[in-house]
Amino acid sequence: DRQRFEASWGEVVRRHDVLRTRFAYKNASQPRQIVLKEQQIEFVFQDLLALPKHQQNTTIDTYKENDWKRGFDLGRDVLMRMAVFRLSERVHEVVHSFHHILLDGCSVGIIHEESFQI
């Protein structure tokens, strides 16, 4: 359920200040962490159901490569994004991109579990 999935991540972001963080460091004597009151992460949804498996894989790989190249601007960007690819009626692939300044290996699992509980 696409809407519930996005809403659950919105709640995770609301609960955790660090997920609403940006950093002001350009032209500053000291870097500053800025926590926004509200923040929406970017969601991309693509329905790949009509494509053969190899084209689904190519589409996802191309997205990942472009997403990696895009990177994050610590002072401007939302530092987390989600892409959901519908592969079949019951199978979706999620690409969760984030800057490592926000999350480490342990905390990623915790917020993923929290999003599913919500």
PDB file of N, CA and C in Angstrom:
ATOM      1  N   ASP A   1       0.860  -1.176   0.000  1.00  0.00           N
ATOM      2  CA  ASP A   1       0.000   0.000   0.000  1.00  0.00           C
ATOM      3  C   ASP A   1       0.900   1.231   0.000  1.00  0.00           C
ATOM      4  N   ARG A   2       0.989   1.801  -1.160  1.00  0.00           N
ATOM      5  CA  ARG A   2       1.903   2.914  -1.399  1.00  0.00           C
ATOM      6  C   ARG A   2       1.675   4.089  -0.440  1.00  0.00           C
ATOM      7  N   GLN A   3       0.425   4.453  -0.235  1.00  0.00           N
ATOM      8  CA  GLN A   3       0.130   5.609   0.625  1.00  0.00           C
ATOM      9  C   GLN A   3       0.489   5.327   2.080  1.00  0.00           C
ATOM     10  N   ARG A   4       0.212   4.138   2.543  1.00  0.00           N
ATOM     11  CA  ARG A   4       0.561   3.788   3.925  1.00  0.00           C
ATOM     12  C   ARG A   4       2.075   3.720   4.109  1.00  0.00           C
ATOM     13  N   PHE A   5       2.771   3.207   3.099  1.00  0.00           N
ATOM     14  CA  PHE A   5       4.228   3.128   3.167  1.00  0.00           C
ATOM     15  C   PHE A   5       4.830   4.529   3.289  1.00  0.00           C
ATOM     16  N   GLU A   6       4.367   5.428   2.428  1.00  0.00           N
ATOM     17  CA  GLU A   6       4.873   6.803   2.470  1.00  0.00           C
ATOM     18  C   GLU A   6       4.495   7.492   3.781  1.00  0.00           C
ATOM     19  N   ALA A   7       3.271   7.277   4.246  1.00  0.00           N
ATOM     20  CA  ALA A   7       2.832   7.882   5.511  1.00  0.00           C
ATOM     21  C   ALA A   7       3.646   7.356   6.688  1.00  0.00           C
ATOM     22  N   SER A   8       3.980   6.079   6.673  1.00  0.00           N
ATOM     23  CA  SER A   8       4.769   5.527   7.786  1.00  0.00           C
ATOM     24  C   SER A   8       6.157   6.157   7.821  1.00  0.00           C
ATOM     25  N   TRP A   9       6.750   6.388   6.651  1.00  0.00           N
ATOM     26  CA  TRP A   9       8.053   7.045   6.630  1.00  0.00           C
ATOM     27  C   TRP A   9       7.944   8.510   7.043  1.00  0.00           C
ATOM     28  N   GLY A  10       6.835   9.144   6.703  1.00  0.00           N
ATOM     29  CA  GLY A  10       6.611  10.508   7.176  1.00  0.00           C
ATOM     30  C   GLY A  10       6.575  10.567   8.691  1.00  0.00           C
ATOM     31  N   GLU A  11       5.966   9.567   9.311  1.00  0.00           N
ATOM     32  CA  GLU A  11       5.913   9.499  10.770  1.00  0.00           C
ATOM     33  C   GLU A  11       7.303   9.243  11.359  1.00  0.00           C
ATOM     34  N   VAL A  12       8.082   8.381  10.731  1.00  0.00           N
ATOM     35  CA  VAL A  12       9.451   8.125  11.208  1.00  0.00           C
ATOM     36  C   VAL A  12      10.253   9.423  11.178  1.00  0.00           C
ATOM     37  N   VAL A  13      10.128  10.169  10.099  1.00  0.00           N
ATOM     38  CA  VAL A  13      10.850  11.450   9.974  1.00  0.00           C
ATOM     39  C   VAL A  13      10.365  12.425  11.039  1.00  0.00           C
ATOM     40  N   ARG A  14       9.071  12.451  11.296  1.00  0.00           N
ATOM     41  CA  ARG A  14       8.526  13.341  12.325  1.00  0.00           C
ATOM     42  C   ARG A  14       9.086  12.994  13.705  1.00  0.00           C
ATOM     43  N   ARG A  15       9.259  11.715  13.990  1.00  0.00           N
ATOM     44  CA  ARG A  15       9.717  11.268  15.309  1.00  0.00           C
ATOM     45  C   ARG A  15      11.199  11.515  15.570  1.00  0.00           C
ATOM     46  N   HIS A  16      12.003  11.551  14.534  1.00  0.00           N
ATOM     47  CA  HIS A  16      13.457  11.587  14.709  1.00  0.00           C
ATOM     48  C   HIS A  16      14.055  12.860  14.115  1.00  0.00           C
ATOM     49  N   ASP A  17      14.492  13.740  14.999  1.00  0.00           N
ATOM     50  CA  ASP A  17      15.039  15.035  14.584  1.00  0.00           C
ATOM     51  C   ASP A  17      16.159  14.893  13.558  1.00  0.00           C
ATOM     52  N   VAL A  18      17.020  13.918  13.740  1.00  0.00           N
ATOM     53  CA  VAL A  18      18.176  13.781  12.860  1.00  0.00           C
ATOM     54  C   VAL A  18      17.756  13.601  11.400  1.00  0.00           C
ATOM     55  N   LEU A  19      16.580  13.049  11.161  1.00  0.00           N
ATOM     56  CA  LEU A  19      16.113  12.820   9.790  1.00  0.00           C
ATOM     57  C   LEU A  19      15.571  14.103   9.152  1.00  0.00           C
ATOM     58  N   ARG A  20      15.491  15.163   9.939  1.00  0.00           N
ATOM     59  CA  ARG A  20      15.067  16.481   9.437  1.00  0.00           C
ATOM     60  C   ARG A  20      16.229  17.476   9.508  1.00  0.00           C
ATOM     61  N   THR A  21      17.433  16.958   9.425  1.00  0.00           N
ATOM     62  CA  THR A  21      18.625  17.765   9.634  1.00  0.00           C
ATOM     63  C   THR A  21      19.283  18.181   8.326  1.00  0.00           C
ATOM     64  N   ARG A  22      19.787  19.391   8.349  1.00  0.00           N
ATOM     65  CA  ARG A  22      20.674  19.918   7.311  1.00  0.00           C
ATOM     66  C   ARG A  22      21.879  20.518   8.011  1.00  0.00           C
ATOM     67  N   PHE A  23      22.898  20.815   7.246  1.00  0.00           N
ATOM     68  CA  PHE A  23      24.112  21.344   7.836  1.00  0.00           C
ATOM     69  C   PHE A  23      24.558  22.590   7.073  1.00  0.00           C
ATOM     70  N   ALA A  24      24.728  23.677   7.800  1.00  0.00           N
ATOM     71  CA  ALA A  24      25.242  24.916   7.223  1.00  0.00           C
ATOM     72  C   ALA A  24      26.742  24.938   7.475  1.00  0.00           C
ATOM     73  N   TYR A  25      27.496  24.865   6.411  1.00  0.00           N
ATOM     74  CA  TYR A  25      28.947  24.822   6.578  1.00  0.00           C
ATOM     75  C   TYR A  25      29.675  25.702   5.559  1.00  0.00           C
ATOM     76  N   LYS A  26      29.006  26.062   4.479  1.00  0.00           N
ATOM     77  CA  LYS A  26      29.651  26.915   3.477  1.00  0.00           C
ATOM     78  C   LYS A  26      29.659  28.353   3.978  1.00  0.00           C
ATOM     79  N   ASN A  27      30.797  29.004   3.841  1.00  0.00           N
ATOM     80  CA  ASN A  27      30.962  30.392   4.269  1.00  0.00           C
ATOM     81  C   ASN A  27      30.608  30.587   5.737  1.00  0.00           C
ATOM     82  N   ALA A  28      30.902  29.600   6.551  1.00  0.00           N
ATOM     83  CA  ALA A  28      30.615  29.680   7.990  1.00  0.00           C
ATOM     84  C   ALA A  28      31.906  29.452   8.760  1.00  0.00           C
ATOM     85  N   SER A  29      32.052  30.163   9.869  1.00  0.00           N
ATOM     86  CA  SER A  29      33.256  29.966  10.683  1.00  0.00           C
ATOM     87  C   SER A  29      33.233  28.589  11.348  1.00  0.00           C
ATOM     88  N   GLN A  30      32.032  28.110  11.681  1.00  0.00           N
ATOM     89  CA  GLN A  30      31.857  26.771  12.239  1.00  0.00           C
ATOM     90  C   GLN A  30      30.620  26.138  11.614  1.00  0.00           C
ATOM     91  N   PRO A  31      30.696  24.863  11.316  1.00  0.00           N
ATOM     92  CA  PRO A  31      29.498  24.198  10.785  1.00  0.00           C
ATOM     93  C   PRO A  31      28.382  24.193  11.824  1.00  0.00           C
ATOM     94  N   ARG A  32      27.165  24.270  11.347  1.00  0.00           N
ATOM     95  CA  ARG A  32      26.007  24.238  12.244  1.00  0.00           C
ATOM     96  C   ARG A  32      25.017  23.196  11.748  1.00  0.00           C
ATOM     97  N   GLN A  33      24.466  22.475  12.710  1.00  0.00           N
ATOM     98  CA  GLN A  33      23.410  21.519  12.410  1.00  0.00           C
ATOM     99  C   GLN A  33      22.075  22.231  12.562  1.00  0.00           C
ATOM    100  N   ILE A  34      21.233  22.126  11.545  1.00  0.00           N
ATOM    101  CA  ILE A  34      19.929  22.779  11.560  1.00  0.00           C
ATOM    102  C   ILE A  34      18.867  21.691  11.513  1.00  0.00           C
ATOM    103  N   VAL A  35      18.003  21.672  12.519  1.00  0.00           N
ATOM    104  CA  VAL A  35      16.911  20.702  12.562  1.00  0.00           C
ATOM    105  C   VAL A  35      15.626  21.430  12.187  1.00  0.00           C
ATOM    106  N   LEU A  36      15.008  20.993  11.110  1.00  0.00           N
ATOM    107  CA  LEU A  36      13.779  21.607  10.631  1.00  0.00           C
ATOM    108  C   LEU A  36      12.582  21.074  11.410  1.00  0.00           C
ATOM    109  N   LYS A  37      11.566  21.904  11.586  1.00  0.00           N
ATOM    110  CA  LYS A  37      10.356  21.462  12.285  1.00  0.00           C
ATOM    111  C   LYS A  37       9.636  20.387  11.492  1.00  0.00           C
ATOM    112  N   GLU A  38       9.604  20.556  10.187  1.00  0.00           N
ATOM    113  CA  GLU A  38       8.942  19.593   9.307  1.00  0.00           C
ATOM    114  C   GLU A  38       9.845  19.322   8.120  1.00  0.00           C
ATOM    115  N   GLN A  39       9.739  18.114   7.621  1.00  0.00           N
ATOM    116  CA  GLN A  39      10.537  17.744   6.453  1.00  0.00           C
ATOM    117  C   GLN A  39       9.864  16.559   5.775  1.00  0.00           C
ATOM    118  N   GLN A  40       9.742  16.617   4.484  1.00  0.00           N
ATOM    119  CA  GLN A  40       9.220  15.479   3.737  1.00  0.00           C
ATOM    120  C   GLN A  40      10.346  14.907   2.903  1.00  0.00           C
ATOM    121  N   ILE A  41      10.497  13.600   2.981  1.00  0.00           N
ATOM    122  CA  ILE A  41      11.512  12.986   2.144  1.00  0.00           C
ATOM    123  C   ILE A  41      10.948  12.787   0.743  1.00  0.00           C
ATOM    124  N   GLU A  42      11.833  12.700  -0.197  1.00  0.00           N
ATOM    125  CA  GLU A  42      11.446  12.518  -1.587  1.00  0.00           C
ATOM    126  C   GLU A  42      11.081  11.054  -1.820  1.00  0.00           C
ATOM    127  N   PHE A  43       9.918  10.839  -2.420  1.00  0.00           N
ATOM    128  CA  PHE A  43       9.474   9.494  -2.794  1.00  0.00           C
ATOM    129  C   PHE A  43       9.319   9.420  -4.298  1.00  0.00           C
ATOM    130  N   VAL A  44       9.849   8.365  -4.883  1.00  0.00           N
ATOM    131  CA  VAL A  44       9.665   8.065  -6.296  1.00  0.00           C
ATOM    132  C   VAL A  44       8.974   6.710  -6.362  1.00  0.00           C
ATOM    133  N   PHE A  45       7.895   6.629  -7.121  1.00  0.00           N
ATOM    134  CA  PHE A  45       7.195   5.363  -7.328  1.00  0.00           C
ATOM    135  C   PHE A  45       7.193   5.072  -8.821  1.00  0.00           C
ATOM    136  N   GLN A  46       7.643   3.863  -9.172  1.00  0.00           N
ATOM    137  CA  GLN A  46       7.608   3.454 -10.572  1.00  0.00           C
ATOM    138  C   GLN A  46       6.970   2.081 -10.672  1.00  0.00           C
ATOM    139  N   ASP A  47       5.989   1.977 -11.542  1.00  0.00           N
ATOM    140  CA  ASP A  47       5.325   0.707 -11.788  1.00  0.00           C
ATOM    141  C   ASP A  47       6.020   0.034 -12.967  1.00  0.00           C
ATOM    142  N   LEU A  48       6.742  -1.040 -12.688  1.00  0.00           N
ATOM    143  CA  LEU A  48       7.487  -1.755 -13.714  1.00  0.00           C
ATOM    144  C   LEU A  48       6.822  -3.088 -14.063  1.00  0.00           C
ATOM    145  N   LEU A  49       5.604  -3.245 -13.623  1.00  0.00           N
ATOM    146  CA  LEU A  49       4.869  -4.502 -13.792  1.00  0.00           C
ATOM    147  C   LEU A  49       4.825  -4.966 -15.247  1.00  0.00           C
ATOM    148  N   ALA A  50       4.677  -4.066 -16.185  1.00  0.00           N
ATOM    149  CA  ALA A  50       4.529  -4.440 -17.597  1.00  0.00           C
ATOM    150  C   ALA A  50       5.859  -4.801 -18.267  1.00  0.00           C
ATOM    151  N   LEU A  51       6.969  -4.536 -17.598  1.00  0.00           N
ATOM    152  CA  LEU A  51       8.277  -4.785 -18.212  1.00  0.00           C
ATOM    153  C   LEU A  51       8.766  -6.200 -17.928  1.00  0.00           C
ATOM    154  N   PRO A  52       9.513  -6.783 -18.865  1.00  0.00           N
ATOM    155  CA  PRO A  52      10.147  -8.076 -18.570  1.00  0.00           C
ATOM    156  C   PRO A  52      11.200  -7.901 -17.474  1.00  0.00           C
ATOM    157  N   LYS A  53      11.526  -8.986 -16.806  1.00  0.00           N
ATOM    158  CA  LYS A  53      12.431  -8.970 -15.652  1.00  0.00           C
ATOM    159  C   LYS A  53      13.747  -8.242 -15.955  1.00  0.00           C
ATOM    160  N   HIS A  54      14.360  -8.511 -17.103  1.00  0.00           N
ATOM    161  CA  HIS A  54      15.652  -7.875 -17.400  1.00  0.00           C
ATOM    162  C   HIS A  54      15.516  -6.352 -17.536  1.00  0.00           C
ATOM    163  N   GLN A  55      14.390  -5.878 -18.068  1.00  0.00           N
ATOM    164  CA  GLN A  55      14.187  -4.428 -18.166  1.00  0.00           C
ATOM    165  C   GLN A  55      13.889  -3.822 -16.795  1.00  0.00           C
ATOM    166  N   GLN A  56      13.196  -4.569 -15.943  1.00  0.00           N
ATOM    167  CA  GLN A  56      12.982  -4.105 -14.569  1.00  0.00           C
ATOM    168  C   GLN A  56      14.335  -3.899 -13.891  1.00  0.00           C
ATOM    169  N   ASN A  57      15.202  -4.913 -14.005  1.00  0.00           N
ATOM    170  CA  ASN A  57      16.525  -4.833 -13.381  1.00  0.00           C
ATOM    171  C   ASN A  57      17.342  -3.677 -13.933  1.00  0.00           C
ATOM    172  N   THR A  58      17.288  -3.487 -15.245  1.00  0.00           N
ATOM    173  CA  THR A  58      18.023  -2.388 -15.877  1.00  0.00           C
ATOM    174  C   THR A  58      17.508  -1.036 -15.394  1.00  0.00           C
ATOM    175  N   THR A  59      16.197  -0.903 -15.297  1.00  0.00           N
ATOM    176  CA  THR A  59      15.597   0.349 -14.829  1.00  0.00           C
ATOM    177  C   THR A  59      16.040   0.668 -13.408  1.00  0.00           C
ATOM    178  N   ILE A  60      16.018  -0.330 -12.543  1.00  0.00           N
ATOM    179  CA  ILE A  60      16.425  -0.127 -11.146  1.00  0.00           C
ATOM    180  C   ILE A  60      17.912   0.177 -11.063  1.00  0.00           C
ATOM    181  N   ASP A  61      18.722  -0.551 -11.808  1.00  0.00           N
ATOM    182  CA  ASP A  61      20.171  -0.292 -11.801  1.00  0.00           C
ATOM    183  C   ASP A  61      20.485   1.121 -12.290  1.00  0.00           C
ATOM    184  N   THR A  62      19.782   1.575 -13.325  1.00  0.00           N
ATOM    185  CA  THR A  62      19.981   2.933 -13.841  1.00  0.00           C
ATOM    186  C   THR A  62      19.576   3.966 -12.794  1.00  0.00           C
ATOM    187  N   TYR A  63      18.450   3.719 -12.120  1.00  0.00           N
ATOM    188  CA  TYR A  63      18.035   4.630 -11.053  1.00  0.00           C
ATOM    189  C   TYR A  63      19.122   4.714  -9.977  1.00  0.00           C
ATOM    190  N   LYS A  64      19.614   3.556  -9.535  1.00  0.00           N
ATOM    191  CA  LYS A  64      20.632   3.534  -8.466  1.00  0.00           C
ATOM    192  C   LYS A  64      21.888   4.290  -8.882  1.00  0.00           C
ATOM    193  N   GLU A  65      22.315   4.082 -10.115  1.00  0.00           N
ATOM    194  CA  GLU A  65      23.515   4.766 -10.599  1.00  0.00           C
ATOM    195  C   GLU A  65      23.314   6.277 -10.625  1.00  0.00           C
ATOM    196  N   ASN A  66      22.173   6.722 -11.152  1.00  0.00           N
ATOM    197  CA  ASN A  66      21.878   8.163 -11.197  1.00  0.00           C
ATOM    198  C   ASN A  66      21.708   8.746  -9.801  1.00  0.00           C
ATOM    199  N   ASP A  67      21.101   7.987  -8.912  1.00  0.00           N
ATOM    200  CA  ASP A  67      20.919   8.443  -7.537  1.00  0.00           C
ATOM    201  C   ASP A  67      22.272   8.608  -6.851  1.00  0.00           C
ATOM    202  N   TRP A  68      23.164   7.669  -7.075  1.00  0.00           N
ATOM    203  CA  TRP A  68      24.514   7.739  -6.501  1.00  0.00           C
ATOM    204  C   TRP A  68      25.241   8.978  -7.021  1.00  0.00           C
ATOM    205  N   LYS A  69      25.155   9.218  -8.322  1.00  0.00           N
ATOM    206  CA  LYS A  69      25.810  10.381  -8.923  1.00  0.00           C
ATOM    207  C   LYS A  69      25.218  11.689  -8.404  1.00  0.00           C
ATOM    208  N   ARG A  70      23.930  11.685  -8.144  1.00  0.00           N
ATOM    209  CA  ARG A  70      23.237  12.880  -7.656  1.00  0.00           C
ATOM    210  C   ARG A  70      23.790  13.323  -6.302  1.00  0.00           C
ATOM    211  N   GLY A  71      24.042  12.372  -5.435  1.00  0.00           N
ATOM    212  CA  GLY A  71      24.583  12.691  -4.116  1.00  0.00           C
ATOM    213  C   GLY A  71      23.644  13.552  -3.284  1.00  0.00           C
ATOM    214  N   PHE A  72      24.222  14.212  -2.285  1.00  0.00           N
ATOM    215  CA  PHE A  72      23.453  15.075  -1.385  1.00  0.00           C
ATOM    216  C   PHE A  72      24.228  16.352  -1.129  1.00  0.00           C
ATOM    217  N   ASP A  73      23.519  17.454  -1.092  1.00  0.00           N
ATOM    218  CA  ASP A  73      24.083  18.728  -0.672  1.00  0.00           C
ATOM    219  C   ASP A  73      23.662  18.908   0.782  1.00  0.00           C
ATOM    220  N   LEU A  74      24.613  18.832   1.699  1.00  0.00           N
ATOM    221  CA  LEU A  74      24.318  18.853   3.132  1.00  0.00           C
ATOM    222  C   LEU A  74      23.578  20.107   3.580  1.00  0.00           C
ATOM    223  N   GLY A  75      23.759  21.203   2.882  1.00  0.00           N
ATOM    224  CA  GLY A  75      23.130  22.458   3.287  1.00  0.00           C
ATOM    225  C   GLY A  75      21.767  22.708   2.668  1.00  0.00           C
ATOM    226  N   ARG A  76      21.410  21.950   1.630  1.00  0.00           N
ATOM    227  CA  ARG A  76      20.170  22.230   0.920  1.00  0.00           C
ATOM    228  C   ARG A  76      19.217  21.054   0.844  1.00  0.00           C
ATOM    229  N   ASP A  77      19.754  19.897   0.595  1.00  0.00           N
ATOM    230  CA  ASP A  77      18.917  18.745   0.281  1.00  0.00           C
ATOM    231  C   ASP A  77      18.291  18.112   1.514  1.00  0.00           C
ATOM    232  N   VAL A  78      17.170  17.452   1.269  1.00  0.00           N
ATOM    233  CA  VAL A  78      16.672  16.474   2.221  1.00  0.00           C
ATOM    234  C   VAL A  78      17.694  15.346   2.126  1.00  0.00           C
ATOM    235  N   LEU A  79      18.197  14.879   3.238  1.00  0.00           N
ATOM    236  CA  LEU A  79      19.329  13.955   3.211  1.00  0.00           C
ATOM    237  C   LEU A  79      18.910  12.486   3.188  1.00  0.00           C
ATOM    238  N   MET A  80      17.664  12.252   2.755  1.00  0.00           N
ATOM    239  CA  MET A  80      17.171  10.892   2.629  1.00  0.00           C
ATOM    240  C   MET A  80      16.119  10.871   1.521  1.00  0.00           C
ATOM    241  N   ARG A  81      16.134   9.802   0.708  1.00  0.00           N
ATOM    242  CA  ARG A  81      15.136   9.624  -0.348  1.00  0.00           C
ATOM    243  C   ARG A  81      14.739   8.161  -0.434  1.00  0.00           C
ATOM    244  N   MET A  82      13.561   7.939  -0.999  1.00  0.00           N
ATOM    245  CA  MET A  82      13.031   6.586  -1.200  1.00  0.00           C
ATOM    246  C   MET A  82      12.572   6.438  -2.637  1.00  0.00           C
ATOM    247  N   ALA A  83      12.857   5.292  -3.188  1.00  0.00           N
ATOM    248  CA  ALA A  83      12.303   4.926  -4.493  1.00  0.00           C
ATOM    249  C   ALA A  83      11.683   3.543  -4.338  1.00  0.00           C
ATOM    250  N   VAL A  84      10.458   3.400  -4.829  1.00  0.00           N
ATOM    251  CA  VAL A  84       9.743   2.130  -4.749  1.00  0.00           C
ATOM    252  C   VAL A  84       9.415   1.701  -6.171  1.00  0.00           C
ATOM    253  N   PHE A  85       9.835   0.486  -6.500  1.00  0.00           N
ATOM    254  CA  PHE A  85       9.604  -0.074  -7.825  1.00  0.00           C
ATOM    255  C   PHE A  85       8.664  -1.267  -7.698  1.00  0.00           C
ATOM    256  N   ARG A  86       7.534  -1.198  -8.373  1.00  0.00           N
ATOM    257  CA  ARG A  86       6.575  -2.305  -8.366  1.00  0.00           C
ATOM    258  C   ARG A  86       6.992  -3.303  -9.443  1.00  0.00           C
ATOM    259  N   LEU A  87       7.324  -4.519  -9.016  1.00  0.00           N
ATOM    260  CA  LEU A  87       7.814  -5.535  -9.935  1.00  0.00           C
ATOM    261  C   LEU A  87       6.743  -6.558 -10.296  1.00  0.00           C
ATOM    262  N   SER A  88       5.822  -6.805  -9.365  1.00  0.00           N
ATOM    263  CA  SER A  88       4.699  -7.702  -9.602  1.00  0.00           C
ATOM    264  C   SER A  88       3.579  -7.277  -8.666  1.00  0.00           C
ATOM    265  N   GLU A  89       2.490  -8.011  -8.687  1.00  0.00           N
ATOM    266  CA  GLU A  89       1.347  -7.651  -7.830  1.00  0.00           C
ATOM    267  C   GLU A  89       1.748  -7.574  -6.359  1.00  0.00           C
ATOM    268  N   ARG A  90       2.643  -8.440  -5.929  1.00  0.00           N
ATOM    269  CA  ARG A  90       2.987  -8.512  -4.507  1.00  0.00           C
ATOM    270  C   ARG A  90       4.461  -8.248  -4.204  1.00  0.00           C
ATOM    271  N   VAL A  91       5.231  -7.901  -5.214  1.00  0.00           N
ATOM    272  CA  VAL A  91       6.672  -7.694  -5.012  1.00  0.00           C
ATOM    273  C   VAL A  91       7.055  -6.281  -5.425  1.00  0.00           C
ATOM    274  N   HIS A  92       7.746  -5.602  -4.513  1.00  0.00           N
ATOM    275  CA  HIS A  92       8.267  -4.260  -4.761  1.00  0.00           C
ATOM    276  C   HIS A  92       9.734  -4.242  -4.329  1.00  0.00           C
ATOM    277  N   GLU A  93      10.507  -3.417  -4.969  1.00  0.00           N
ATOM    278  CA  GLU A  93      11.884  -3.197  -4.524  1.00  0.00           C
ATOM    279  C   GLU A  93      11.989  -1.756  -4.059  1.00  0.00           C
ATOM    280  N   VAL A  94      12.576  -1.581  -2.887  1.00  0.00           N
ATOM    281  CA  VAL A  94      12.729  -0.252  -2.307  1.00  0.00           C
ATOM    282  C   VAL A  94      14.211   0.109  -2.310  1.00  0.00           C
ATOM    283  N   VAL A  95      14.504   1.292  -2.798  1.00  0.00           N
ATOM    284  CA  VAL A  95      15.854   1.836  -2.734  1.00  0.00           C
ATOM    285  C   VAL A  95      15.802   2.995  -1.746  1.00  0.00           C
ATOM    286  N   HIS A  96      16.496   2.829  -0.638  1.00  0.00           N
ATOM    287  CA  HIS A  96      16.524   3.838   0.430  1.00  0.00           C
ATOM    288  C   HIS A  96      17.900   4.491   0.393  1.00  0.00           C
ATOM    289  N   SER A  97      17.937   5.748  -0.022  1.00  0.00           N
ATOM    290  CA  SER A  97      19.196   6.492  -0.112  1.00  0.00           C
ATOM    291  C   SER A  97      19.250   7.511   1.018  1.00  0.00           C
ATOM    292  N   PHE A  98      20.417   7.634   1.617  1.00  0.00           N
ATOM    293  CA  PHE A  98      20.588   8.615   2.683  1.00  0.00           C
ATOM    294  C   PHE A  98      22.069   8.947   2.806  1.00  0.00           C
ATOM    295  N   HIS A  99      22.333  10.124   3.331  1.00  0.00           N
ATOM    296  CA  HIS A  99      23.714  10.512   3.592  1.00  0.00           C
ATOM    297  C   HIS A  99      24.160   9.824   4.878  1.00  0.00           C
ATOM    298  N   HIS A 100      25.372   9.322   4.873  1.00  0.00           N
ATOM    299  CA  HIS A 100      25.873   8.593   6.045  1.00  0.00           C
ATOM    300  C   HIS A 100      26.012   9.470   7.291  1.00  0.00           C
ATOM    301  N   ILE A 101      25.924  10.771   7.145  1.00  0.00           N
ATOM    302  CA  ILE A 101      25.983  11.643   8.319  1.00  0.00           C
ATOM    303  C   ILE A 101      24.729  11.481   9.192  1.00  0.00           C
ATOM    304  N   LEU A 102      23.627  10.977   8.584  1.00  0.00           N
ATOM    305  CA  LEU A 102      22.371  10.793   9.316  1.00  0.00           C
ATOM    306  C   LEU A 102      22.282   9.455  10.037  1.00  0.00           C
ATOM    307  N   LEU A 103      22.682   8.398   9.355  1.00  0.00           N
ATOM    308  CA  LEU A 103      22.424   7.044   9.839  1.00  0.00           C
ATOM    309  C   LEU A 103      23.655   6.166   9.690  1.00  0.00           C
ATOM    310  N   ASP A 104      23.778   5.214  10.612  1.00  0.00           N
ATOM    311  CA  ASP A 104      24.819   4.202  10.483  1.00  0.00           C
ATOM    312  C   ASP A 104      24.144   2.845  10.262  1.00  0.00           C
ATOM    313  N   GLY A 105      24.925   1.802  10.158  1.00  0.00           N
ATOM    314  CA  GLY A 105      24.391   0.476   9.875  1.00  0.00           C
ATOM    315  C   GLY A 105      23.369  -0.013  10.885  1.00  0.00           C
ATOM    316  N   CYS A 106      23.576   0.272  12.154  1.00  0.00           N
ATOM    317  CA  CYS A 106      22.624  -0.167  13.193  1.00  0.00           C
ATOM    318  C   CYS A 106      21.329   0.634  13.143  1.00  0.00           C
ATOM    319  N   SER A 107      21.431   1.934  12.985  1.00  0.00           N
ATOM    320  CA  SER A 107      20.227   2.766  13.034  1.00  0.00           C
ATOM    321  C   SER A 107      19.336   2.569  11.807  1.00  0.00           C
ATOM    322  N   VAL A 108      19.902   2.186  10.675  1.00  0.00           N
ATOM    323  CA  VAL A 108      19.082   1.933   9.490  1.00  0.00           C
ATOM    324  C   VAL A 108      18.084   0.816   9.765  1.00  0.00           C
ATOM    325  N   GLY A 109      18.560  -0.279  10.346  1.00  0.00           N
ATOM    326  CA  GLY A 109      17.673  -1.391  10.677  1.00  0.00           C
ATOM    327  C   GLY A 109      16.586  -0.991  11.662  1.00  0.00           C
ATOM    328  N   ILE A 110      16.937  -0.157  12.603  1.00  0.00           N
ATOM    329  CA  ILE A 110      15.974   0.290  13.615  1.00  0.00           C
ATOM    330  C   ILE A 110      14.861   1.117  12.980  1.00  0.00           C
ATOM    331  N   ILE A 111      15.216   2.066  12.111  1.00  0.00           N
ATOM    332  CA  ILE A 111      14.157   2.884  11.517  1.00  0.00           C
ATOM    333  C   ILE A 111      13.360   2.110  10.475  1.00  0.00           C
ATOM    334  N   HIS A 112      13.988   1.149   9.813  1.00  0.00           N
ATOM    335  CA  HIS A 112      13.217   0.304   8.885  1.00  0.00           C
ATOM    336  C   HIS A 112      12.162  -0.477   9.670  1.00  0.00           C
ATOM    337  N   GLU A 113      12.570  -1.066  10.755  1.00  0.00           N
ATOM    338  CA  GLU A 113      11.630  -1.828  11.593  1.00  0.00           C
ATOM    339  C   GLU A 113      10.518  -0.906  12.125  1.00  0.00           C
ATOM    340  N   GLU A 114      10.890   0.283  12.540  1.00  0.00           N
ATOM    341  CA  GLU A 114       9.902   1.239  13.035  1.00  0.00           C
ATOM    342  C   GLU A 114       8.894   1.598  11.953  1.00  0.00           C
ATOM    343  N   SER A 115       9.364   1.802  10.740  1.00  0.00           N
ATOM    344  CA  SER A 115       8.433   2.153   9.642  1.00  0.00           C
ATOM    345  C   SER A 115       7.440   1.017   9.396  1.00  0.00           C
ATOM    346  N   PHE A 116       7.888  -0.214   9.477  1.00  0.00           N
ATOM    347  CA  PHE A 116       6.983  -1.346   9.269  1.00  0.00           C
ATOM    348  C   PHE A 116       5.996  -1.497  10.426  1.00  0.00           C
ATOM    349  N   GLN A 117       6.438  -1.184  11.652  1.00  0.00           N
ATOM    350  CA  GLN A 117       5.526  -1.238  12.793  1.00  0.00           C
ATOM    351  C   GLN A 117       4.430  -0.183  12.674  1.00  0.00           C
ATOM    352  N   ILE A 118       4.807   0.986  12.194  1.00  0.00           N
ATOM    353  CA  ILE A 118       3.824   2.072  12.027  1.00  0.00           C
ATOM    354  C   ILE A 118       2.801   1.647  10.998  1.00  0.00           C
TER     355      ILE A 118
END
